[in-house]
Amino acid sequence: MIKQDFISKYIQELSKTLAKIIALEVGNSDDGFLIIFNQMLQSYYKVDDNNLVVLLEANEERDQFLLADELKKKNILTFMKAIRVYLNQGNTEKAKASYEVLKRIESMNTGIFQFPTEEDNLIAKERKVVEEKMNGL
């Protein structure tokens, strides 16, 4: 019970961090995004952006945050933003690694029906941009 309360609190904090990351505009604050993105990766997943491929491996401790139903949409938007920032900076390796992590997050079926939200519309718009850029590599 105590462990579950701790995890719930951790998920709430991660949700706040992801919301802050998502709010940053691509192109205007790329360095700021990368600083916060790396802090988030280190704090919650124990990796940095040089080791993004580690997030492709199943790991119960990391996956409870990376693949949590409550965080799925925010994680998707965060990794989409990371892809765009890395591509803007010409870092195709990190963009590709982020894209693979994104695909892993998206592949997890929650099994819960949800009506489309504004967040879903934003994901669809971002997906279009990301897919065009990734197909150009």
C-alpha atoms as a PDB file:
ATOM      1  CA  MET A   1       0.000   0.000   0.000  1.00  0.00           C
ATOM      2  CA  ILE A   2       2.760   2.434   0.911  1.00  0.00           C
ATOM      3  CA  LYS A   3       4.671   1.548  -2.257  1.00  0.00           C
ATOM      4  CA  GLN A   4       1.546   2.173  -4.368  1.00  0.00           C
ATOM      5  CA  ASP A   5       1.025   5.577  -2.698  1.00  0.00           C
ATOM      6  CA  PHE A   6       4.653   6.434  -3.405  1.00  0.00           C
ATOM      7  CA  ILE A   7       4.304   5.429  -7.059  1.00  0.00           C
ATOM      8  CA  SER A   8       1.093   7.461  -7.397  1.00  0.00           C
ATOM      9  CA  LYS A   9       2.830  10.538  -5.977  1.00  0.00           C
ATOM     10  CA  TYR A  10       5.791   9.986  -8.298  1.00  0.00           C
ATOM     11  CA  ILE A  11       3.428   9.729 -11.285  1.00  0.00           C
ATOM     12  CA  GLN A  12       1.768  13.017 -10.272  1.00  0.00           C
ATOM     13  CA  GLU A  13       5.150  14.749 -10.113  1.00  0.00           C
ATOM     14  CA  LEU A  14       6.224  13.300 -13.450  1.00  0.00           C
ATOM     15  CA  SER A  15       2.941  14.473 -14.967  1.00  0.00           C
ATOM     16  CA  LYS A  16       3.706  18.041 -13.843  1.00  0.00           C
ATOM     17  CA  THR A  17       7.210  17.828 -15.321  1.00  0.00           C
ATOM     18  CA  LEU A  18       5.885  16.488 -18.621  1.00  0.00           C
ATOM     19  CA  ALA A  19       3.295  19.268 -18.803  1.00  0.00           C
ATOM     20  CA  LYS A  20       6.090  21.826 -18.359  1.00  0.00           C
ATOM     21  CA  ILE A  21       8.133  20.174 -21.114  1.00  0.00           C
ATOM     22  CA  ILE A  22       5.171  20.010 -23.501  1.00  0.00           C
ATOM     23  CA  ALA A  23       4.469  23.717 -22.988  1.00  0.00           C
ATOM     24  CA  LEU A  24       7.883  24.699 -24.415  1.00  0.00           C
ATOM     25  CA  GLU A  25       7.815  25.766 -28.075  1.00  0.00           C
ATOM     26  CA  VAL A  26      10.009  23.832 -30.471  1.00  0.00           C
ATOM     27  CA  GLY A  27      12.526  26.181 -32.072  1.00  0.00           C
ATOM     28  CA  ASN A  28      12.253  28.931 -29.457  1.00  0.00           C
ATOM     29  CA  SER A  29      13.549  27.084 -26.431  1.00  0.00           C
ATOM     30  CA  ASP A  30      15.275  23.957 -27.682  1.00  0.00           C
ATOM     31  CA  ASP A  31      18.167  24.205 -25.211  1.00  0.00           C
ATOM     32  CA  GLY A  32      15.746  24.733 -22.330  1.00  0.00           C
ATOM     33  CA  PHE A  33      13.706  21.770 -23.504  1.00  0.00           C
ATOM     34  CA  LEU A  34      16.764  19.524 -23.622  1.00  0.00           C
ATOM     35  CA  ILE A  35      17.837  20.550 -20.117  1.00  0.00           C
ATOM     36  CA  ILE A  36      14.426  19.747 -18.633  1.00  0.00           C
ATOM     37  CA  PHE A  37      14.060  16.623 -20.802  1.00  0.00           C
ATOM     38  CA  ASN A  38      17.417  15.288 -19.576  1.00  0.00           C
ATOM     39  CA  GLN A  39      16.548  16.104 -15.962  1.00  0.00           C
ATOM     40  CA  MET A  40      13.301  14.185 -16.382  1.00  0.00           C
ATOM     41  CA  LEU A  41      15.092  11.223 -17.995  1.00  0.00           C
ATOM     42  CA  GLN A  42      17.651  11.103 -15.189  1.00  0.00           C
ATOM     43  CA  SER A  43      15.137  11.552 -12.365  1.00  0.00           C
ATOM     44  CA  TYR A  44      12.475   9.113 -13.472  1.00  0.00           C
ATOM     45  CA  TYR A  45      14.172   6.682 -15.855  1.00  0.00           C
ATOM     46  CA  LYS A  46      17.794   6.746 -14.653  1.00  0.00           C
ATOM     47  CA  VAL A  47      19.138   7.432 -18.186  1.00  0.00           C
ATOM     48  CA  ASP A  48      20.164  10.469 -20.191  1.00  0.00           C
ATOM     49  CA  ASP A  49      19.566  11.315 -23.836  1.00  0.00           C
ATOM     50  CA  ASN A  50      22.776   9.524 -24.831  1.00  0.00           C
ATOM     51  CA  ASN A  51      21.199   6.231 -23.691  1.00  0.00           C
ATOM     52  CA  LEU A  52      17.619   6.522 -24.945  1.00  0.00           C
ATOM     53  CA  VAL A  53      17.753   3.008 -26.409  1.00  0.00           C
ATOM     54  CA  VAL A  54      17.772   1.676 -22.832  1.00  0.00           C
ATOM     55  CA  LEU A  55      14.098   2.728 -22.676  1.00  0.00           C
ATOM     56  CA  LEU A  56      13.345   0.140 -25.365  1.00  0.00           C
ATOM     57  CA  GLU A  57      14.225  -2.639 -22.921  1.00  0.00           C
ATOM     58  CA  ALA A  58      11.561  -3.947 -20.569  1.00  0.00           C
ATOM     59  CA  ASN A  59      12.286  -2.784 -17.038  1.00  0.00           C
ATOM     60  CA  GLU A  60       9.527  -2.856 -14.427  1.00  0.00           C
ATOM     61  CA  GLU A  61      10.855   0.107 -12.457  1.00  0.00           C
ATOM     62  CA  ARG A  62      11.146   2.421 -15.498  1.00  0.00           C
ATOM     63  CA  ASP A  63       8.116   1.051 -17.327  1.00  0.00           C
ATOM     64  CA  GLN A  64       5.734   1.900 -14.483  1.00  0.00           C
ATOM     65  CA  PHE A  65       6.346   5.544 -15.437  1.00  0.00           C
ATOM     66  CA  LEU A  66       7.123   5.298 -19.150  1.00  0.00           C
ATOM     67  CA  LEU A  67       4.109   3.118 -19.927  1.00  0.00           C
ATOM     68  CA  ALA A  68       1.664   4.281 -17.241  1.00  0.00           C
ATOM     69  CA  ASP A  69      -1.853   4.821 -18.565  1.00  0.00           C
ATOM     70  CA  GLU A  70      -2.085   8.160 -16.727  1.00  0.00           C
ATOM     71  CA  LEU A  71       1.043   9.444 -18.476  1.00  0.00           C
ATOM     72  CA  LYS A  72       0.714   7.876 -21.921  1.00  0.00           C
ATOM     73  CA  LYS A  73      -0.442  10.974 -23.816  1.00  0.00           C
ATOM     74  CA  LYS A  74       2.033  13.268 -22.065  1.00  0.00           C
ATOM     75  CA  ASN A  75       4.893  10.835 -22.720  1.00  0.00           C
ATOM     76  CA  ILE A  76       3.876  10.616 -26.381  1.00  0.00           C
ATOM     77  CA  LEU A  77       3.862  14.410 -26.720  1.00  0.00           C
ATOM     78  CA  THR A  78       7.171  14.716 -24.875  1.00  0.00           C
ATOM     79  CA  PHE A  79       8.971  12.215 -27.099  1.00  0.00           C
ATOM     80  CA  MET A  80       7.430  13.766 -30.227  1.00  0.00           C
ATOM     81  CA  LYS A  81       8.796  17.105 -29.115  1.00  0.00           C
ATOM     82  CA  ALA A  82      12.190  15.503 -28.430  1.00  0.00           C
ATOM     83  CA  ILE A  83      12.249  14.095 -31.964  1.00  0.00           C
ATOM     84  CA  ARG A  84      11.562  17.520 -33.444  1.00  0.00           C
ATOM     85  CA  VAL A  85      14.199  19.225 -31.286  1.00  0.00           C
ATOM     86  CA  TYR A  86      16.847  16.631 -32.122  1.00  0.00           C
ATOM     87  CA  LEU A  87      16.061  16.911 -35.833  1.00  0.00           C
ATOM     88  CA  ASN A  88      16.257  20.723 -35.635  1.00  0.00           C
ATOM     89  CA  GLN A  89      19.710  20.319 -34.129  1.00  0.00           C
ATOM     90  CA  GLY A  90      20.762  17.757 -36.733  1.00  0.00           C
ATOM     91  CA  ASN A  91      21.046  14.945 -34.198  1.00  0.00           C
ATOM     92  CA  THR A  92      19.403  12.149 -36.178  1.00  0.00           C
ATOM     93  CA  GLU A  93      20.637   9.345 -33.892  1.00  0.00           C
ATOM     94  CA  LYS A  94      18.851  10.762 -30.849  1.00  0.00           C
ATOM     95  CA  ALA A  95      15.801  11.555 -32.995  1.00  0.00           C
ATOM     96  CA  LYS A  96      15.664   7.933 -34.189  1.00  0.00           C
ATOM     97  CA  ALA A  97      16.105   6.602 -30.644  1.00  0.00           C
ATOM     98  CA  SER A  98      13.318   8.899 -29.417  1.00  0.00           C
ATOM     99  CA  TYR A  99      11.132   7.706 -32.297  1.00  0.00           C
ATOM    100  CA  GLU A 100      11.650   4.077 -31.264  1.00  0.00           C
ATOM    101  CA  VAL A 101      10.739   4.931 -27.656  1.00  0.00           C
ATOM    102  CA  LEU A 102       7.655   6.756 -28.949  1.00  0.00           C
ATOM    103  CA  LYS A 103       6.599   3.672 -30.921  1.00  0.00           C
ATOM    104  CA  ARG A 104       7.055   1.518 -27.799  1.00  0.00           C
ATOM    105  CA  ILE A 105       4.846   3.837 -25.734  1.00  0.00           C
ATOM    106  CA  GLU A 106       2.191   3.908 -28.452  1.00  0.00           C
ATOM    107  CA  SER A 107       2.213   0.122 -28.814  1.00  0.00           C
ATOM    108  CA  MET A 108       0.967  -0.374 -25.266  1.00  0.00           C
ATOM    109  CA  ASN A 109      -2.798  -0.834 -25.415  1.00  0.00           C
ATOM    110  CA  THR A 110      -4.537   0.525 -22.339  1.00  0.00           C
ATOM    111  CA  GLY A 111      -7.726  -1.389 -23.049  1.00  0.00           C
ATOM    112  CA  ILE A 112      -9.675   1.617 -21.820  1.00  0.00           C
ATOM    113  CA  PHE A 113     -11.939   3.492 -24.211  1.00  0.00           C
ATOM    114  CA  GLN A 114     -11.599   7.245 -23.961  1.00  0.00           C
ATOM    115  CA  PHE A 115     -13.395   9.920 -25.906  1.00  0.00           C
ATOM    116  CA  PRO A 116     -11.028  12.065 -27.981  1.00  0.00           C
ATOM    117  CA  THR A 117      -9.659  15.055 -26.113  1.00  0.00           C
ATOM    118  CA  GLU A 118      -7.790  18.218 -27.017  1.00  0.00           C
ATOM    119  CA  GLU A 119      -4.626  16.314 -26.138  1.00  0.00           C
ATOM    120  CA  ASP A 120      -5.527  13.696 -28.782  1.00  0.00           C
ATOM    121  CA  ASN A 121      -5.934  16.458 -31.367  1.00  0.00           C
ATOM    122  CA  LEU A 122      -2.516  17.847 -30.430  1.00  0.00           C
ATOM    123  CA  ILE A 123      -0.987  14.360 -30.702  1.00  0.00           C
ATOM    124  CA  ALA A 124      -2.504  13.890 -34.173  1.00  0.00           C
ATOM    125  CA  LYS A 125      -1.132  17.249 -35.316  1.00  0.00           C
ATOM    126  CA  GLU A 126       2.323  16.558 -33.880  1.00  0.00           C
ATOM    127  CA  ARG A 127       2.319  13.028 -35.297  1.00  0.00           C
ATOM    128  CA  LYS A 128       1.844  14.407 -38.803  1.00  0.00           C
ATOM    129  CA  VAL A 129       4.856  16.709 -38.425  1.00  0.00           C
ATOM    130  CA  VAL A 130       7.017  14.011 -36.809  1.00  0.00           C
ATOM    131  CA  GLU A 131       6.139  11.371 -39.414  1.00  0.00           C
ATOM    132  CA  GLU A 132       6.964  13.756 -42.286  1.00  0.00           C
ATOM    133  CA  LYS A 133      10.311  14.627 -40.740  1.00  0.00           C
ATOM    134  CA  MET A 134      11.199  11.019 -39.879  1.00  0.00           C
ATOM    135  CA  ASN A 135      10.248   9.820 -43.375  1.00  0.00           C
ATOM    136  CA  GLY A 136      12.659  12.401 -44.777  1.00  0.00           C
ATOM    137  CA  LEU A 137      15.649  10.745 -43.080  1.00  0.00           C
END
